[in-house]
Every structure is written in C-alpha cells, then in structure tokens.
C-alpha atoms as a PDB file:
ATOM      1  CA  MET A   1      93.057  40.780 104.635  1.00  0.00           C
ATOM      2  CA  ASP A   2      95.601  42.542 106.470  1.00  0.00           C
ATOM      3  CA  LYS A   3      96.039  41.975 110.156  1.00  0.00           C
ATOM      4  CA  GLN A   4      93.959  44.601 111.892  1.00  0.00           C
ATOM      5  CA  GLU A   5      90.876  44.101 109.105  1.00  0.00           C
ATOM      6  CA  LYS A   6      91.427  40.351 110.670  1.00  0.00           C
ATOM      7  CA  LEU A   7      91.310  41.511 114.348  1.00  0.00           C
ATOM      8  CA  ASN A   8      88.415  43.707 113.915  1.00  0.00           C
ATOM      9  CA  LYS A   9      86.469  40.683 112.174  1.00  0.00           C
ATOM     10  CA  LEU A  10      87.106  38.546 114.863  1.00  0.00           C
ATOM     11  CA  PHE A  11      85.963  40.857 117.766  1.00  0.00           C
ATOM     12  CA  ASN A  12      82.836  41.125 115.568  1.00  0.00           C
ATOM     13  CA  LYS A  13      82.213  37.787 115.344  1.00  0.00           C
ATOM     14  CA  ILE A  14      83.047  36.762 118.992  1.00  0.00           C
ATOM     15  CA  SER A  15      81.087  40.175 120.350  1.00  0.00           C
ATOM     16  CA  LYS A  16      77.930  39.129 118.294  1.00  0.00           C
ATOM     17  CA  LYS A  17      78.049  35.239 119.378  1.00  0.00           C
ATOM     18  CA  VAL A  18      78.576  35.992 123.065  1.00  0.00           C
ATOM     19  CA  GLY A  19      76.211  38.726 123.411  1.00  0.00           C
ATOM     20  CA  PHE A  20      73.523  36.676 121.464  1.00  0.00           C
ATOM     21  CA  TYR A  21      73.877  33.452 123.720  1.00  0.00           C
ATOM     22  CA  TRP A  22      73.980  35.679 126.609  1.00  0.00           C
ATOM     23  CA  TRP A  23      70.935  37.067 126.773  1.00  0.00           C
ATOM     24  CA  LYS A  24      69.359  34.083 125.173  1.00  0.00           C
ATOM     25  CA  ARG A  25      70.569  32.147 128.457  1.00  0.00           C
ATOM     26  CA  TYR A  26      69.204  35.432 130.655  1.00  0.00           C
ATOM     27  CA  PHE A  27      65.849  35.038 129.284  1.00  0.00           C
ATOM     28  CA  SER A  28      65.988  31.301 130.340  1.00  0.00           C
ATOM     29  CA  CYS A  29      67.018  31.975 133.218  1.00  0.00           C
ATOM     30  CA  SER A  30      64.394  34.668 134.222  1.00  0.00           C
ATOM     31  CA  TRP A  31      61.913  32.556 132.746  1.00  0.00           C
ATOM     32  CA  TRP A  32      62.599  29.156 135.318  1.00  0.00           C
ATOM     33  CA  LYS A  33      62.837  31.412 138.282  1.00  0.00           C
ATOM     34  CA  ASN A  34      60.106  33.099 137.611  1.00  0.00           C
ATOM     35  CA  ILE A  35      58.294  29.060 137.637  1.00  0.00           C
ATOM     36  CA  GLU A  36      60.027  27.564 140.286  1.00  0.00           C
ATOM     37  CA  THR A  37      59.891  30.030 143.110  1.00  0.00           C
ATOM     38  CA  PRO A  38      55.656  30.371 143.152  1.00  0.00           C
ATOM     39  CA  ILE A  39      55.563  26.849 142.499  1.00  0.00           C
ATOM     40  CA  ASN A  40      57.790  25.777 145.251  1.00  0.00           C
ATOM     41  CA  LEU A  41      56.411  28.562 147.359  1.00  0.00           C
ATOM     42  CA  THR A  42      52.975  27.139 147.251  1.00  0.00           C
ATOM     43  CA  LEU A  43      53.728  23.546 147.403  1.00  0.00           C
ATOM     44  CA  THR A  44      55.148  24.643 150.703  1.00  0.00           C
ATOM     45  CA  ILE A  45      52.546  26.753 151.925  1.00  0.00           C
ATOM     46  CA  PHE A  46      50.455  23.497 150.877  1.00  0.00           C
ATOM     47  CA  SER A  47      51.834  20.968 152.705  1.00  0.00           C
ATOM     48  CA  SER A  48      51.789  23.073 155.786  1.00  0.00           C
ATOM     49  CA  ILE A  49      48.104  23.159 155.917  1.00  0.00           C
ATOM     50  CA  ILE A  50      47.771  19.807 154.679  1.00  0.00           C
ATOM     51  CA  SER A  51      49.707  18.575 157.658  1.00  0.00           C
ATOM     52  CA  ALA A  52      47.573  20.658 160.151  1.00  0.00           C
ATOM     53  CA  GLN A  53      44.493  19.523 158.671  1.00  0.00           C
ATOM     54  CA  ALA A  54      45.997  15.860 159.401  1.00  0.00           C
ATOM     55  CA  SER A  55      46.968  16.915 162.819  1.00  0.00           C
ATOM     56  CA  THR A  56      43.855  18.728 163.640  1.00  0.00           C
ATOM     57  CA  ASN A  57      41.248  17.208 161.273  1.00  0.00           C
ATOM     58  CA  ASN A  58      39.051  20.611 161.791  1.00  0.00           C
ATOM     59  CA  PHE A  59      41.567  22.760 160.276  1.00  0.00           C
ATOM     60  CA  MET A  60      39.471  23.708 157.626  1.00  0.00           C
ATOM     61  CA  LYS A  61      36.638  22.309 155.454  1.00  0.00           C
ATOM     62  CA  GLN A  62      36.549  19.034 154.133  1.00  0.00           C
ATOM     63  CA  GLU A  63      35.891  20.198 150.671  1.00  0.00           C
ATOM     64  CA  HIS A  64      38.460  23.218 150.683  1.00  0.00           C
ATOM     65  CA  TYR A  65      40.907  19.929 151.492  1.00  0.00           C
ATOM     66  CA  VAL A  66      40.031  17.811 148.833  1.00  0.00           C
ATOM     67  CA  ILE A  67      40.606  20.740 146.452  1.00  0.00           C
ATOM     68  CA  ILE A  68      43.987  21.682 148.399  1.00  0.00           C
ATOM     69  CA  SER A  69      45.336  18.245 147.783  1.00  0.00           C
ATOM     70  CA  PHE A  70      44.335  17.920 144.086  1.00  0.00           C
ATOM     71  CA  VAL A  71      45.989  21.376 142.936  1.00  0.00           C
ATOM     72  CA  MET A  72      49.363  19.888 145.006  1.00  0.00           C
ATOM     73  CA  VAL A  73      49.403  16.984 142.880  1.00  0.00           C
ATOM     74  CA  LEU A  74      49.152  19.014 140.391  1.00  0.00           C
ATOM     75  CA  LEU A  75      51.769  21.172 141.102  1.00  0.00           C
ATOM     76  CA  THR A  76      53.563  18.390 142.059  1.00  0.00           C
ATOM     77  CA  THR A  77      53.559  16.204 138.451  1.00  0.00           C
ATOM     78  CA  PHE A  78      54.594  19.647 137.151  1.00  0.00           C
ATOM     79  CA  ASN A  79      57.496  20.216 139.446  1.00  0.00           C
ATOM     80  CA  THR A  80      58.468  16.382 139.056  1.00  0.00           C
ATOM     81  CA  TYR A  81      58.311  16.484 135.035  1.00  0.00           C
ATOM     82  CA  PHE A  82      59.449  19.649 134.078  1.00  0.00           C
ATOM     83  CA  ARG A  83      61.767  20.180 136.808  1.00  0.00           C
ATOM     84  CA  PRO A  84      62.241  24.144 136.719  1.00  0.00           C
ATOM     85  CA  LEU A  85      64.655  24.122 139.644  1.00  0.00           C
ATOM     86  CA  GLN A  86      67.471  21.974 137.825  1.00  0.00           C
ATOM     87  CA  LYS A  87      66.982  23.898 134.601  1.00  0.00           C
ATOM     88  CA  TYR A  88      66.977  27.243 136.436  1.00  0.00           C
ATOM     89  CA  GLN A  89      70.402  26.345 137.818  1.00  0.00           C
ATOM     90  CA  SER A  90      71.807  24.681 134.449  1.00  0.00           C
ATOM     91  CA  ASN A  91      70.938  27.638 132.613  1.00  0.00           C
ATOM     92  CA  THR A  92      72.541  29.977 135.043  1.00  0.00           C
ATOM     93  CA  ASP A  93      75.663  27.855 135.034  1.00  0.00           C
ATOM     94  CA  GLU A  94      75.523  28.258 131.283  1.00  0.00           C
ATOM     95  CA  LEU A  95      75.181  31.829 131.755  1.00  0.00           C
ATOM     96  CA  LYS A  96      78.117  32.431 133.873  1.00  0.00           C
ATOM     97  CA  LYS A  97      80.270  30.544 131.352  1.00  0.00           C
ATOM     98  CA  TRP A  98      79.100  32.982 128.253  1.00  0.00           C
ATOM     99  CA  TYR A  99      80.193  35.952 131.028  1.00  0.00           C
ATOM    100  CA  GLU A 100      83.486  34.537 131.578  1.00  0.00           C
ATOM    101  CA  LEU A 101      84.160  34.316 127.690  1.00  0.00           C
ATOM    102  CA  GLY A 102      82.623  37.616 127.714  1.00  0.00           C
ATOM    103  CA  ASN A 103      85.181  38.942 130.096  1.00  0.00           C
ATOM    104  CA  GLU A 104      87.902  37.379 127.873  1.00  0.00           C
ATOM    105  CA  LEU A 105      86.873  39.212 124.796  1.00  0.00           C
ATOM    106  CA  GLU A 106      86.725  42.733 126.348  1.00  0.00           C
ATOM    107  CA  LYS A 107      90.128  41.868 128.154  1.00  0.00           C
ATOM    108  CA  ILE A 108      91.537  41.098 124.791  1.00  0.00           C
ATOM    109  CA  TYR A 109      89.439  44.216 123.134  1.00  0.00           C
ATOM    110  CA  PHE A 110      90.838  47.131 125.575  1.00  0.00           C
ATOM    111  CA  SER A 111      94.763  45.499 125.833  1.00  0.00           C
ATOM    112  CA  ASP A 112      96.848  48.094 124.352  1.00  0.00           C
ATOM    113  CA  ARG A 113      98.639  47.753 121.149  1.00  0.00           C
ATOM    114  CA  VAL A 114     102.251  49.512 121.106  1.00  0.00           C
ATOM    115  CA  SER A 115     103.717  47.255 118.300  1.00  0.00           C
ATOM    116  CA  ASP A 116     102.850  45.026 115.598  1.00  0.00           C
ATOM    117  CA  GLU A 117     103.821  42.146 117.961  1.00  0.00           C
ATOM    118  CA  ASP A 118     101.032  43.060 120.282  1.00  0.00           C
ATOM    119  CA  LEU A 119      98.531  42.582 117.263  1.00  0.00           C
ATOM    120  CA  ILE A 120      99.301  39.529 116.255  1.00  0.00           C
ATOM    121  CA  LYS A 121      98.820  38.388 119.855  1.00  0.00           C
ATOM    122  CA  ARG A 122      95.708  39.745 119.946  1.00  0.00           C
ATOM    123  CA  ILE A 123      94.949  37.980 117.065  1.00  0.00           C
ATOM    124  CA  LYS A 124      95.615  34.991 118.667  1.00  0.00           C
ATOM    125  CA  GLU A 125      94.156  35.236 121.687  1.00  0.00           C
ATOM    126  CA  SER A 126      90.692  36.224 119.540  1.00  0.00           C
ATOM    127  CA  GLU A 127      91.315  32.896 117.458  1.00  0.00           C
ATOM    128  CA  GLU A 128      91.575  30.893 121.073  1.00  0.00           C
ATOM    129  CA  LEU A 129      88.931  32.641 122.451  1.00  0.00           C
ATOM    130  CA  LEU A 130      86.290  31.816 119.387  1.00  0.00           C
ATOM    131  CA  VAL A 131      87.131  28.133 119.667  1.00  0.00           C
ATOM    132  CA  LYS A 132      86.140  28.356 123.290  1.00  0.00           C
ATOM    133  CA  VAL A 133      83.063  30.214 122.137  1.00  0.00           C
ATOM    134  CA  ASN A 134      82.572  27.273 119.419  1.00  0.00           C
ATOM    135  CA  ASN A 135      82.604  24.527 121.369  1.00  0.00           C
ATOM    136  CA  LEU A 136      80.214  26.073 124.161  1.00  0.00           C
ATOM    137  CA  THR A 137      77.604  26.932 121.400  1.00  0.00           C
ATOM    138  CA  ALA A 138      78.016  23.348 120.205  1.00  0.00           C
ATOM    139  CA  SER A 139      77.934  21.590 124.155  1.00  0.00           C
ATOM    140  CA  SER A 140      74.685  23.284 124.529  1.00  0.00           C
ATOM    141  CA  THR A 141      72.220  20.392 125.366  1.00  0.00           C
ATOM    142  CA  ILE A 142      68.324  20.488 124.077  1.00  0.00           C
ATOM    143  CA  GLU A 143      67.211  20.169 127.880  1.00  0.00           C
ATOM    144  CA  ASN A 144      68.402  24.052 128.005  1.00  0.00           C
ATOM    145  CA  GLN A 145      66.329  25.015 125.261  1.00  0.00           C
ATOM    146  CA  ASN A 146      63.389  26.865 125.586  1.00  0.00           C
ATOM    147  CA  PHE A 147      61.068  27.850 123.456  1.00  0.00           C
ATOM    148  CA  ILE A 148      58.868  30.306 124.641  1.00  0.00           C
ATOM    149  CA  SER A 149      61.920  32.303 126.431  1.00  0.00           C
ATOM    150  CA  ASP A 150      63.828  32.118 122.973  1.00  0.00           C
ATOM    151  CA  PHE A 151      60.451  33.723 121.322  1.00  0.00           C
ATOM    152  CA  PHE A 152      60.161  36.608 124.191  1.00  0.00           C
ATOM    153  CA  HIS A 153      64.111  36.966 123.804  1.00  0.00           C
ATOM    154  CA  MET A 154      63.443  37.443 119.712  1.00  0.00           C
ATOM    155  CA  ILE A 155      61.055  40.150 120.862  1.00  0.00           C
ATOM    156  CA  ILE A 156      63.312  41.972 122.532  1.00  0.00           C
ATOM    157  CA  LYS A 157      66.346  41.474 120.375  1.00  0.00           C
ATOM    158  CA  TYR A 158      64.136  43.516 117.557  1.00  0.00           C
ATOM    159  CA  THR A 159      62.901  45.962 120.097  1.00  0.00           C
ATOM    160  CA  CYS A 160      64.698  46.712 123.000  1.00  0.00           C
ATOM    161  CA  LEU A 161      67.995  45.511 122.333  1.00  0.00           C
ATOM    162  CA  LYS A 162      68.077  46.399 118.533  1.00  0.00           C
ATOM    163  CA  HIS A 163      71.942  46.985 118.158  1.00  0.00           C
ATOM    164  CA  ARG A 164      72.969  46.252 121.901  1.00  0.00           C
ATOM    165  CA  GLU A 165      72.980  42.750 121.923  1.00  0.00           C
ATOM    166  CA  PRO A 166      76.565  42.546 120.864  1.00  0.00           C
ATOM    167  CA  TRP A 167      79.105  42.160 123.742  1.00  0.00           C
ATOM    168  CA  LEU A 168      81.172  44.926 123.041  1.00  0.00           C
ATOM    169  CA  ALA A 169      78.307  46.984 122.439  1.00  0.00           C
ATOM    170  CA  PHE A 170      78.493  47.591 126.419  1.00  0.00           C
ATOM    171  CA  ALA A 171      82.037  47.272 126.995  1.00  0.00           C
ATOM    172  CA  THR A 172      82.571  50.586 124.695  1.00  0.00           C
ATOM    173  CA  GLU A 173      79.655  52.595 126.543  1.00  0.00           C
ATOM    174  CA  ASP A 174      82.045  53.537 129.127  1.00  0.00           C
ATOM    175  CA  ASP A 175      84.805  53.966 126.909  1.00  0.00           C
ATOM    176  CA  GLU A 176      86.764  57.629 126.895  1.00  0.00           C
ATOM    177  CA  ASP A 177      89.136  56.451 123.656  1.00  0.00           C
ATOM    178  CA  GLU A 178      87.402  57.743 121.015  1.00  0.00           C
ATOM    179  CA  THR A 179      90.175  56.092 118.161  1.00  0.00           C
ATOM    180  CA  ARG A 180      88.880  53.202 119.812  1.00  0.00           C
ATOM    181  CA  ALA A 181      85.120  53.127 120.012  1.00  0.00           C
ATOM    182  CA  GLY A 182      84.751  55.321 116.995  1.00  0.00           C
ATOM    183  CA  THR A 183      83.553  58.745 115.995  1.00  0.00           C
ATOM    184  CA  ARG A 184      80.780  59.836 118.401  1.00  0.00           C
ATOM    185  CA  GLU A 185      77.712  61.719 117.827  1.00  0.00           C
ATOM    186  CA  PRO A 186      74.446  62.183 119.430  1.00  0.00           C
ATOM    187  CA  VAL A 187      71.854  59.638 119.279  1.00  0.00           C
ATOM    188  CA  ASP A 188      67.971  59.833 118.671  1.00  0.00           C
ATOM    189  CA  LYS A 189      66.915  58.604 121.938  1.00  0.00           C
ATOM    190  CA  GLU A 190      63.302  57.913 120.885  1.00  0.00           C
ATOM    191  CA  LYS A 191      64.561  55.629 117.976  1.00  0.00           C
ATOM    192  CA  SER A 192      66.842  54.183 120.601  1.00  0.00           C
ATOM    193  CA  GLY A 193      66.335  50.404 121.802  1.00  0.00           C
ATOM    194  CA  TRP A 194      66.958  50.994 125.478  1.00  0.00           C
ATOM    195  CA  TRP A 195      65.312  54.414 125.386  1.00  0.00           C
ATOM    196  CA  CYS A 196      61.868  52.837 124.470  1.00  0.00           C
ATOM    197  CA  CYS A 197      62.087  49.942 127.170  1.00  0.00           C
ATOM    198  CA  PHE A 198      63.780  52.390 130.301  1.00  0.00           C
ATOM    199  CA  LYS A 199      62.787  55.844 129.171  1.00  0.00           C
ATOM    200  CA  ARG A 200      66.048  57.214 130.135  1.00  0.00           C
ATOM    201  CA  PRO A 201      69.389  58.949 128.412  1.00  0.00           C
ATOM    202  CA  LEU A 202      72.034  56.817 126.990  1.00  0.00           C
ATOM    203  CA  LYS A 203      74.905  56.255 128.952  1.00  0.00           C
ATOM    204  CA  SER A 204      76.749  56.755 125.266  1.00  0.00           C
ATOM    205  CA  ASN A 205      75.816  58.633 122.260  1.00  0.00           C
ATOM    206  CA  MET A 206      77.724  56.044 119.742  1.00  0.00           C
ATOM    207  CA  LYS A 207      76.146  56.049 116.300  1.00  0.00           C
ATOM    208  CA  ASN A 208      73.766  52.822 115.367  1.00  0.00           C
ATOM    209  CA  GLU A 209      76.654  51.713 113.275  1.00  0.00           C
ATOM    210  CA  ASP A 210      79.188  52.091 115.747  1.00  0.00           C
ATOM    211  CA  ILE A 211      77.187  49.683 118.250  1.00  0.00           C
ATOM    212  CA  GLU A 212      76.545  47.359 115.648  1.00  0.00           C
ATOM    213  CA  LEU A 213      80.329  46.826 115.807  1.00  0.00           C
ATOM    214  CA  LYS A 214      80.083  46.949 111.994  1.00  0.00           C
ATOM    215  CA  SER A 215      82.999  49.333 111.653  1.00  0.00           C
ATOM    216  CA  ILE A 216      85.355  48.849 114.780  1.00  0.00           C
ATOM    217  CA  ASN A 217      88.678  50.831 114.576  1.00  0.00           C
ATOM    218  CA  VAL A 218      90.885  49.551 116.892  1.00  0.00           C
ATOM    219  CA  LYS A 219      94.056  51.024 117.135  1.00  0.00           C
END
C-alpha cells in the first residue's frame, strides 16, 4: 500500500466514524431536549397554580387541584428518574467533542500537499486523529445511549442522509477544487437523500460514489 492510498483509507475511516457518531449524538440531543423542555415548563406552570391554590384556597375547584397535583407527581417522578436535562447536557458535551474531531479532520484534509514530507505529515496527523476517535468511541457511557433516538437515526441514515453521513461529505460540498473532490457530474435530485427531505437543490453535484468517499483522490 502506497502512502497516498493509506492516507485515503484513513480519511474514509475517520470521516465515516465521526459522521456516524456526530449524527447519533445530534438525534439523541434533539430527543432529550424535546422531552426536557415541555416537562420543565409544565412543572413550572403547575407549581405556580398549586401555590396560588394554597394561598387563596379558591383559585380552582378541588377536583381540578387533585388532578393537577397527581400529574405533577408523575412528571416529577419521571423527571427525577430519567433526568432528561442531565442526559441532554451530557449528549451535548459529547456532540461538541465529535464536532472538534471533525474540524481536525477538515484541517488535515484541506491542508496543502507540496512535497512528500507534507504527505507523511498528513498521514501521521491522521493516525493520531484516528486514535482520538477510537478513544472517544470507547469512552462513551451507557447512560448516553438512547435506543429510541438510535432507531430514528437509523431511519434517517438510510433515507434523508443516505451517502451524506460521513463528515467529509459535508466538508467537500463547497470545495471548488475538482482535483481534490473528484469529477463532478449532475445528481438526480429525486434520488438524493437530502432532496427527499428538504426539497431543495443540492449545493454539490458530486457523484454518489464521491460522496460515499469510497474513492477520494487527494492531491
């Protein structure tokens, strides 16, 4: 395996892993945020209502007060046991870490190559980045796992995202260097993953096999 082929394989592997886990954490953050916000808002409103009832004793009917108190107990129990706010924050922290690794990958990918020494340097930096990616993957705790958000992630992965999940699929969208991104040809928008969800033209007209980063030709 020559140095250029090794570098391409490193880019492919890192790009797919970073893209996969970034989207995985993104959906998990969205899931917990959409649960945490309405629950905390409801608890705040119900707390105010119960306080008003305790102060005036005629703010609402007694049966309504009992219902609200019962619902508040259920929500408080759910909020205490599942801790959606803490899980949202922990997933957000991990999401930022994957974003930082993605930025490091872009920095290496878009760096200029003017000599063989630069190529060797890029390989070394990519290998170090791969170690960081593997360490972050191994450090992920079971508390950050959410099988419901993972299920939605898998659906989106094979519908809307399709071949655009790898991190470098986004990094190369606005790249005007055809020798770096590969030959560009028109894409059938009706078959494109992003088109089926957002109904807008793609920024890039890269071929699907280029987006999959199966044949990156970095020069």
